[in-house]
PDB file of N, CA and C in Angstrom:
ATOM      1  N   MET A   1     -17.997  10.757   3.603  1.00  0.00           N
ATOM      2  CA  MET A   1     -17.099  10.758   3.228  1.00  0.00           C
ATOM      3  C   MET A   1     -16.790   8.728   3.439  1.00  0.00           C
ATOM      4  N   THR A   2     -15.730   8.646   2.827  1.00  0.00           N
ATOM      5  CA  THR A   2     -15.976   6.924   2.597  1.00  0.00           C
ATOM      6  C   THR A   2     -14.846   6.829   2.823  1.00  0.00           C
ATOM      7  N   ARG A   3     -13.889   5.586   3.561  1.00  0.00           N
ATOM      8  CA  ARG A   3     -12.393   5.178   4.151  1.00  0.00           C
ATOM      9  C   ARG A   3     -12.423   3.812   2.547  1.00  0.00           C
ATOM     10  N   SER A   4     -10.918   3.933   1.852  1.00  0.00           N
ATOM     11  CA  SER A   4     -11.058   2.430   1.381  1.00  0.00           C
ATOM     12  C   SER A   4      -9.234   2.947   1.935  1.00  0.00           C
ATOM     13  N   THR A   5      -9.261   0.957   1.943  1.00  0.00           N
ATOM     14  CA  THR A   5      -7.782   1.066   1.517  1.00  0.00           C
ATOM     15  C   THR A   5      -7.213   0.701   0.186  1.00  0.00           C
ATOM     16  N   TYR A   6      -5.865   1.085   0.339  1.00  0.00           N
ATOM     17  CA  TYR A   6      -5.466   1.315  -0.817  1.00  0.00           C
ATOM     18  C   TYR A   6      -3.902   0.267  -0.289  1.00  0.00           C
ATOM     19  N   TRP A   7      -3.143  -0.435  -1.553  1.00  0.00           N
ATOM     20  CA  TRP A   7      -2.626  -1.372  -0.802  1.00  0.00           C
ATOM     21  C   TRP A   7      -1.094  -1.290  -2.322  1.00  0.00           C
ATOM     22  N   ILE A   8       0.142  -1.770  -2.243  1.00  0.00           N
ATOM     23  CA  ILE A   8       0.554  -1.785  -3.261  1.00  0.00           C
ATOM     24  C   ILE A   8       1.511  -3.405  -2.755  1.00  0.00           C
ATOM     25  N   GLU A   9       2.087  -4.656  -3.712  1.00  0.00           N
ATOM     26  CA  GLU A   9       2.797  -5.463  -3.346  1.00  0.00           C
ATOM     27  C   GLU A   9       3.892  -5.576  -4.071  1.00  0.00           C
ATOM     28  N   SER A  10       5.120  -6.095  -3.505  1.00  0.00           N
ATOM     29  CA  SER A  10       6.390  -6.117  -4.274  1.00  0.00           C
ATOM     30  C   SER A  10       7.216  -7.606  -3.552  1.00  0.00           C
ATOM     31  N   LEU A  11       7.451  -8.182  -4.820  1.00  0.00           N
ATOM     32  CA  LEU A  11       8.338 -10.029  -4.629  1.00  0.00           C
ATOM     33  C   LEU A  11       9.865  -8.792  -4.633  1.00  0.00           C
ATOM     34  N   VAL A  12      10.232  -9.003  -3.374  1.00  0.00           N
ATOM     35  CA  VAL A  12      11.674  -9.039  -2.873  1.00  0.00           C
ATOM     36  C   VAL A  12      12.222 -10.624  -2.466  1.00  0.00           C
ATOM     37  N   PRO A  13      13.505  -9.869  -2.435  1.00  0.00           N
ATOM     38  CA  PRO A  13      14.349 -10.722  -1.670  1.00  0.00           C
ATOM     39  C   PRO A  13      14.109 -11.023  -0.209  1.00  0.00           C
ATOM     40  N   ALA A  14      14.104 -11.691   0.133  1.00  0.00           N
ATOM     41  CA  ALA A  14      13.791 -11.742   2.230  1.00  0.00           C
ATOM     42  C   ALA A  14      14.506 -10.551   3.148  1.00  0.00           C
ATOM     43  N   TRP A  15      15.252 -10.637   2.526  1.00  0.00           N
ATOM     44  CA  TRP A  15      16.441 -10.002   3.065  1.00  0.00           C
ATOM     45  C   TRP A  15      16.404  -8.546   3.410  1.00  0.00           C
ATOM     46  N   LEU A  16      15.431  -7.773   1.732  1.00  0.00           N
ATOM     47  CA  LEU A  16      15.074  -6.452   1.709  1.00  0.00           C
ATOM     48  C   LEU A  16      14.166  -6.481   3.034  1.00  0.00           C
ATOM     49  N   TYR A  17      13.242  -7.598   3.946  1.00  0.00           N
ATOM     50  CA  TYR A  17      11.770  -7.150   4.542  1.00  0.00           C
ATOM     51  C   TYR A  17      12.689  -5.982   6.080  1.00  0.00           C
ATOM     52  N   HIS A  18      14.406  -6.593   5.734  1.00  0.00           N
ATOM     53  CA  HIS A  18      14.580  -5.387   7.156  1.00  0.00           C
ATOM     54  C   HIS A  18      15.310  -4.993   6.781  1.00  0.00           C
ATOM     55  N   ASP A  19      15.474  -4.505   5.399  1.00  0.00           N
ATOM     56  CA  ASP A  19      16.295  -3.133   4.987  1.00  0.00           C
ATOM     57  C   ASP A  19      15.611  -1.268   4.996  1.00  0.00           C
ATOM     58  N   GLY A  20      16.172  -1.065   6.000  1.00  0.00           N
ATOM     59  CA  GLY A  20      15.445   0.037   6.362  1.00  0.00           C
ATOM     60  C   GLY A  20      15.153   1.138   4.990  1.00  0.00           C
ATOM     61  N   GLY A  21      15.884   1.512   4.020  1.00  0.00           N
ATOM     62  CA  GLY A  21      15.494   1.821   2.355  1.00  0.00           C
ATOM     63  C   GLY A  21      14.483   1.787   1.835  1.00  0.00           C
ATOM     64  N   TYR A  22      15.274   0.161   1.685  1.00  0.00           N
ATOM     65  CA  TYR A  22      13.693  -0.166   1.226  1.00  0.00           C
ATOM     66  C   TYR A  22      12.941   0.335   1.721  1.00  0.00           C
ATOM     67  N   ARG A  23      12.286  -0.006   3.049  1.00  0.00           N
ATOM     68  CA  ARG A  23      10.920  -0.312   3.067  1.00  0.00           C
ATOM     69  C   ARG A  23      10.311   1.441   3.522  1.00  0.00           C
ATOM     70  N   ALA A  24      11.502   2.307   3.657  1.00  0.00           N
ATOM     71  CA  ALA A  24      11.319   4.128   3.161  1.00  0.00           C
ATOM     72  C   ALA A  24      10.959   4.304   2.047  1.00  0.00           C
ATOM     73  N   ALA A  25      11.399   3.777   1.469  1.00  0.00           N
ATOM     74  CA  ALA A  25      11.488   3.906  -0.346  1.00  0.00           C
ATOM     75  C   ALA A  25      10.249   3.273  -0.468  1.00  0.00           C
ATOM     76  N   LEU A  26       9.379   2.462  -0.386  1.00  0.00           N
ATOM     77  CA  LEU A  26       8.146   0.917  -0.822  1.00  0.00           C
ATOM     78  C   LEU A  26       6.977   2.764  -0.242  1.00  0.00           C
ATOM     79  N   THR A  27       7.710   2.900   1.104  1.00  0.00           N
ATOM     80  CA  THR A  27       6.645   3.690   1.769  1.00  0.00           C
ATOM     81  C   THR A  27       6.244   4.768   0.825  1.00  0.00           C
ATOM     82  N   ARG A  28       7.527   6.214   0.636  1.00  0.00           N
ATOM     83  CA  ARG A  28       7.644   6.726  -0.453  1.00  0.00           C
ATOM     84  C   ARG A  28       6.618   6.793  -1.434  1.00  0.00           C
ATOM     85  N   HIS A  29       7.009   5.557  -1.753  1.00  0.00           N
ATOM     86  CA  HIS A  29       5.576   5.788  -3.458  1.00  0.00           C
ATOM     87  C   HIS A  29       4.737   5.345  -3.376  1.00  0.00           C
ATOM     88  N   LEU A  30       4.074   4.385  -2.271  1.00  0.00           N
ATOM     89  CA  LEU A  30       2.828   4.247  -2.460  1.00  0.00           C
ATOM     90  C   LEU A  30       2.350   5.656  -1.515  1.00  0.00           C
ATOM     91  N   ARG A  31       3.101   5.978  -1.001  1.00  0.00           N
ATOM     92  CA  ARG A  31       2.640   8.064   0.161  1.00  0.00           C
ATOM     93  C   ARG A  31       2.025   9.083  -1.626  1.00  0.00           C
ATOM     94  N   ASP A  32       2.908   8.249  -2.377  1.00  0.00           N
ATOM     95  CA  ASP A  32       3.197   9.577  -3.439  1.00  0.00           C
ATOM     96  C   ASP A  32       2.501   9.252  -4.454  1.00  0.00           C
ATOM     97  N   ARG A  33       2.018   8.244  -4.850  1.00  0.00           N
ATOM     98  CA  ARG A  33       1.259   7.621  -6.173  1.00  0.00           C
ATOM     99  C   ARG A  33      -0.306   8.566  -4.834  1.00  0.00           C
ATOM    100  N   LEU A  34      -0.598   7.903  -3.848  1.00  0.00           N
ATOM    101  CA  LEU A  34      -1.811   8.576  -3.285  1.00  0.00           C
ATOM    102  C   LEU A  34      -1.692   9.779  -3.067  1.00  0.00           C
ATOM    103  N   GLU A  35      -1.373  11.098  -3.031  1.00  0.00           N
ATOM    104  CA  GLU A  35      -1.396  12.215  -3.349  1.00  0.00           C
ATOM    105  C   GLU A  35      -1.348  13.127  -4.885  1.00  0.00           C
ATOM    106  N   LEU A  36      -0.832  11.906  -4.767  1.00  0.00           N
ATOM    107  CA  LEU A  36      -0.935  12.657  -6.612  1.00  0.00           C
ATOM    108  C   LEU A  36      -1.945  11.952  -7.205  1.00  0.00           C
ATOM    109  N   GLN A  37      -2.675  11.209  -6.946  1.00  0.00           N
ATOM    110  CA  GLN A  37      -4.143  11.276  -7.546  1.00  0.00           C
ATOM    111  C   GLN A  37      -5.118  11.827  -6.129  1.00  0.00           C
ATOM    112  N   GLY A  38      -4.503  12.484  -6.082  1.00  0.00           N
ATOM    113  CA  GLY A  38      -5.686  13.442  -4.653  1.00  0.00           C
ATOM    114  C   GLY A  38      -6.311  13.015  -3.785  1.00  0.00           C
ATOM    115  N   TYR A  39      -5.894  11.799  -3.245  1.00  0.00           N
ATOM    116  CA  TYR A  39      -6.451  11.260  -1.687  1.00  0.00           C
ATOM    117  C   TYR A  39      -5.238  12.029  -0.467  1.00  0.00           C
ATOM    118  N   GLU A  40      -6.208  11.818   0.484  1.00  0.00           N
ATOM    119  CA  GLU A  40      -6.015  12.059   1.669  1.00  0.00           C
ATOM    120  C   GLU A  40      -5.680  10.785   2.807  1.00  0.00           C
ATOM    121  N   ILE A  41      -4.817  10.346   3.322  1.00  0.00           N
ATOM    122  CA  ILE A  41      -3.567   9.516   3.874  1.00  0.00           C
ATOM    123  C   ILE A  41      -4.403   9.840   5.051  1.00  0.00           C
ATOM    124  N   VAL A  42      -4.912   8.413   6.180  1.00  0.00           N
ATOM    125  CA  VAL A  42      -5.731   8.745   7.346  1.00  0.00           C
ATOM    126  C   VAL A  42      -5.434   8.134   8.621  1.00  0.00           C
ATOM    127  N   THR A  43      -4.699   6.603   8.040  1.00  0.00           N
ATOM    128  CA  THR A  43      -3.989   6.090   8.955  1.00  0.00           C
ATOM    129  C   THR A  43      -2.383   5.917   8.323  1.00  0.00           C
ATOM    130  N   PRO A  44      -1.137   5.929   9.019  1.00  0.00           N
ATOM    131  CA  PRO A  44       0.025   5.792   9.129  1.00  0.00           C
ATOM    132  C   PRO A  44       0.273   4.426   8.554  1.00  0.00           C
ATOM    133  N   ILE A  45       0.921   4.144   6.910  1.00  0.00           N
ATOM    134  CA  ILE A  45       1.295   3.435   5.996  1.00  0.00           C
ATOM    135  C   ILE A  45       2.127   1.761   6.902  1.00  0.00           C
ATOM    136  N   ARG A  46       1.191   0.764   6.474  1.00  0.00           N
ATOM    137  CA  ARG A  46       1.907   0.097   7.277  1.00  0.00           C
ATOM    138  C   ARG A  46       2.404  -1.148   5.900  1.00  0.00           C
ATOM    139  N   ILE A  47       4.085  -2.158   6.203  1.00  0.00           N
ATOM    140  CA  ILE A  47       4.623  -2.803   5.691  1.00  0.00           C
ATOM    141  C   ILE A  47       4.808  -4.376   6.684  1.00  0.00           C
ATOM    142  N   ARG A  48       4.078  -5.254   5.590  1.00  0.00           N
ATOM    143  CA  ARG A  48       4.020  -6.523   6.246  1.00  0.00           C
ATOM    144  C   ARG A  48       4.185  -7.319   5.053  1.00  0.00           C
ATOM    145  N   THR A  49       4.183  -8.380   5.747  1.00  0.00           N
ATOM    146  CA  THR A  49       4.392  -9.715   4.390  1.00  0.00           C
ATOM    147  C   THR A  49       3.364 -10.145   4.238  1.00  0.00           C
ATOM    148  N   ALA A  50       2.333 -10.522   2.554  1.00  0.00           N
ATOM    149  CA  ALA A  50       1.156 -11.177   2.158  1.00  0.00           C
ATOM    150  C   ALA A  50       1.217 -12.564   1.993  1.00  0.00           C
ATOM    151  N   GLU A  51       0.211 -13.475   2.433  1.00  0.00           N
ATOM    152  CA  GLU A  51       0.580 -14.766   1.954  1.00  0.00           C
ATOM    153  C   GLU A  51      -1.084 -14.077   0.612  1.00  0.00           C
ATOM    154  N   GLY A  52      -0.647 -15.275   0.290  1.00  0.00           N
ATOM    155  CA  GLY A  52      -1.187 -15.583  -1.237  1.00  0.00           C
ATOM    156  C   GLY A  52      -1.769 -17.030  -1.524  1.00  0.00           C
ATOM    157  N   ASP A  53      -2.669 -17.101  -2.600  1.00  0.00           N
ATOM    158  CA  ASP A  53      -2.610 -18.381  -3.131  1.00  0.00           C
ATOM    159  C   ASP A  53      -1.802 -19.511  -3.375  1.00  0.00           C
ATOM    160  N   VAL A  54      -0.554 -18.786  -3.659  1.00  0.00           N
ATOM    161  CA  VAL A  54       0.985 -19.504  -4.441  1.00  0.00           C
ATOM    162  C   VAL A  54       1.864 -18.165  -3.834  1.00  0.00           C
ATOM    163  N   PRO A  55       3.115 -19.546  -2.568  1.00  0.00           N
ATOM    164  CA  PRO A  55       3.225 -18.963  -1.942  1.00  0.00           C
ATOM    165  C   PRO A  55       4.549 -18.565  -3.219  1.00  0.00           C
ATOM    166  N   PRO A  56       5.799 -18.152  -2.410  1.00  0.00           N
ATOM    167  CA  PRO A  56       6.397 -17.229  -3.368  1.00  0.00           C
ATOM    168  C   PRO A  56       7.648 -18.284  -2.989  1.00  0.00           C
ATOM    169  N   PRO A  57       8.643 -17.980  -4.414  1.00  0.00           N
ATOM    170  CA  PRO A  57       9.763 -18.566  -4.736  1.00  0.00           C
ATOM    171  C   PRO A  57      10.608 -18.569  -3.668  1.00  0.00           C
ATOM    172  N   VAL A  58      11.834 -19.658  -3.266  1.00  0.00           N
ATOM    173  CA  VAL A  58      12.289 -19.703  -1.746  1.00  0.00           C
ATOM    174  C   VAL A  58      13.867 -18.568  -2.418  1.00  0.00           C
ATOM    175  N   GLY A  59      13.532 -18.352  -0.832  1.00  0.00           N
ATOM    176  CA  GLY A  59      14.298 -16.611  -0.505  1.00  0.00           C
ATOM    177  C   GLY A  59      13.886 -15.630  -0.645  1.00  0.00           C
ATOM    178  N   MET A  60      12.812 -15.864  -1.340  1.00  0.00           N
ATOM    179  CA  MET A  60      11.975 -14.199  -1.655  1.00  0.00           C
ATOM    180  C   MET A  60      10.340 -14.169  -0.823  1.00  0.00           C
ATOM    181  N   LEU A  61      10.428 -12.307  -0.410  1.00  0.00           N
ATOM    182  CA  LEU A  61       8.660 -12.367   0.398  1.00  0.00           C
ATOM    183  C   LEU A  61       8.033 -11.197  -0.567  1.00  0.00           C
ATOM    184  N   MET A  62       6.740 -11.429  -0.709  1.00  0.00           N
ATOM    185  CA  MET A  62       5.869 -10.820  -1.276  1.00  0.00           C
ATOM    186  C   MET A  62       5.686  -9.570  -0.207  1.00  0.00           C
ATOM    187  N   LEU A  63       5.741  -8.502  -0.235  1.00  0.00           N
ATOM    188  CA  LEU A  63       6.199  -7.658   0.586  1.00  0.00           C
ATOM    189  C   LEU A  63       4.402  -6.762   0.418  1.00  0.00           C
ATOM    190  N   ARG A  64       3.329  -6.330   1.344  1.00  0.00           N
ATOM    191  CA  ARG A  64       2.364  -5.052   1.341  1.00  0.00           C
ATOM    192  C   ARG A  64       2.212  -3.758   2.034  1.00  0.00           C
ATOM    193  N   ALA A  65       2.475  -2.852   1.194  1.00  0.00           N
ATOM    194  CA  ALA A  65       2.473  -1.742   1.681  1.00  0.00           C
ATOM    195  C   ALA A  65       1.135  -1.086   2.092  1.00  0.00           C
ATOM    196  N   GLU A  66       0.036  -1.262   2.860  1.00  0.00           N
ATOM    197  CA  GLU A  66      -0.761  -0.892   3.032  1.00  0.00           C
ATOM    198  C   GLU A  66      -1.297   0.439   3.819  1.00  0.00           C
ATOM    199  N   THR A  67      -2.625   1.615   3.695  1.00  0.00           N
ATOM    200  CA  THR A  67      -2.881   2.309   3.793  1.00  0.00           C
ATOM    201  C   THR A  67      -4.525   2.927   3.914  1.00  0.00           C
ATOM    202  N   GLN A  68      -4.936   3.132   4.478  1.00  0.00           N
ATOM    203  CA  GLN A  68      -6.367   3.714   4.670  1.00  0.00           C
ATOM    204  C   GLN A  68      -6.482   5.249   3.931  1.00  0.00           C
ATOM    205  N   VAL A  69      -7.500   5.868   3.123  1.00  0.00           N
ATOM    206  CA  VAL A  69      -6.903   7.067   2.134  1.00  0.00           C
ATOM    207  C   VAL A  69      -9.147   7.476   2.622  1.00  0.00           C
ATOM    208  N   GLU A  70      -9.431   8.547   3.396  1.00  0.00           N
ATOM    209  CA  GLU A  70     -10.516   9.299   2.558  1.00  0.00           C
ATOM    210  C   GLU A  70     -10.710   9.661   1.872  1.00  0.00           C
ATOM    211  N   GLU A  71     -12.144   9.553   0.516  1.00  0.00           N
ATOM    212  CA  GLU A  71     -13.075   9.741   0.057  1.00  0.00           C
ATOM    213  C   GLU A  71     -14.249  10.641   0.238  1.00  0.00           C
ATOM    214  N   PHE A  72     -14.623  11.206  -0.527  1.00  0.00           N
ATOM    215  CA  PHE A  72     -15.185  12.360  -0.377  1.00  0.00           C
ATOM    216  C   PHE A  72     -16.623  11.521  -1.711  1.00  0.00           C
ATOM    217  N   ASP A  73     -17.769  11.249  -1.157  1.00  0.00           N
ATOM    218  CA  ASP A  73     -18.961  10.720  -1.860  1.00  0.00           C
ATOM    219  C   ASP A  73     -19.565  12.121  -2.205  1.00  0.00           C
ATOM    220  N   VAL A  74     -19.784  11.215  -3.055  1.00  0.00           N
ATOM    221  CA  VAL A  74     -20.253  12.776  -4.501  1.00  0.00           C
ATOM    222  C   VAL A  74     -21.835  12.523  -4.832  1.00  0.00           C
ATOM    223  N   ASP A  75     -23.050  13.651  -4.526  1.00  0.00           N
ATOM    224  CA  ASP A  75     -23.562  12.574  -4.599  1.00  0.00           C
ATOM    225  C   ASP A  75     -24.219  13.509  -6.091  1.00  0.00           C
ATOM    226  N   MET A  76     -24.878  12.489  -6.979  1.00  0.00           N
ATOM    227  CA  MET A  76     -25.066  13.196  -8.353  1.00  0.00           C
ATOM    228  C   MET A  76     -26.865  13.496  -8.495  1.00  0.00           C
ATOM    229  N   GLY A  77     -27.332  13.339  -7.186  1.00  0.00           N
ATOM    230  CA  GLY A  77     -28.695  13.331  -7.243  1.00  0.00           C
ATOM    231  C   GLY A  77     -29.382  12.306  -8.407  1.00  0.00           C
ATOM    232  N   GLU A  78     -30.724  12.715  -8.257  1.00  0.00           N
ATOM    233  CA  GLU A  78     -31.962  12.577  -9.632  1.00  0.00           C
ATOM    234  C   GLU A  78     -31.615  12.435 -10.776  1.00  0.00           C
ATOM    235  N   ALA A  79     -31.521  11.570 -11.862  1.00  0.00           N
ATOM    236  CA  ALA A  79     -30.731  12.108 -13.041  1.00  0.00           C
ATOM    237  C   ALA A  79     -32.503  12.431 -14.108  1.00  0.00           C
TER     238      ALA A  79
END
């Protein structure tokens, strides 16, 4: 089995970083997307600010929700 990191990013007003309802919705959205695709989440979903090459506009933050999933390795054998 292989572990892979998946994430989504969201550009939001800075005050949403501390809004529990938004953080819960972002977490639920990532969890639902991964479960719909059949992945098994193996680490807690973390939300943090993301650093990029271009800074966000004044008063905004780029939030990144990320987790790790386990994927089954499929051996296709020799062709």
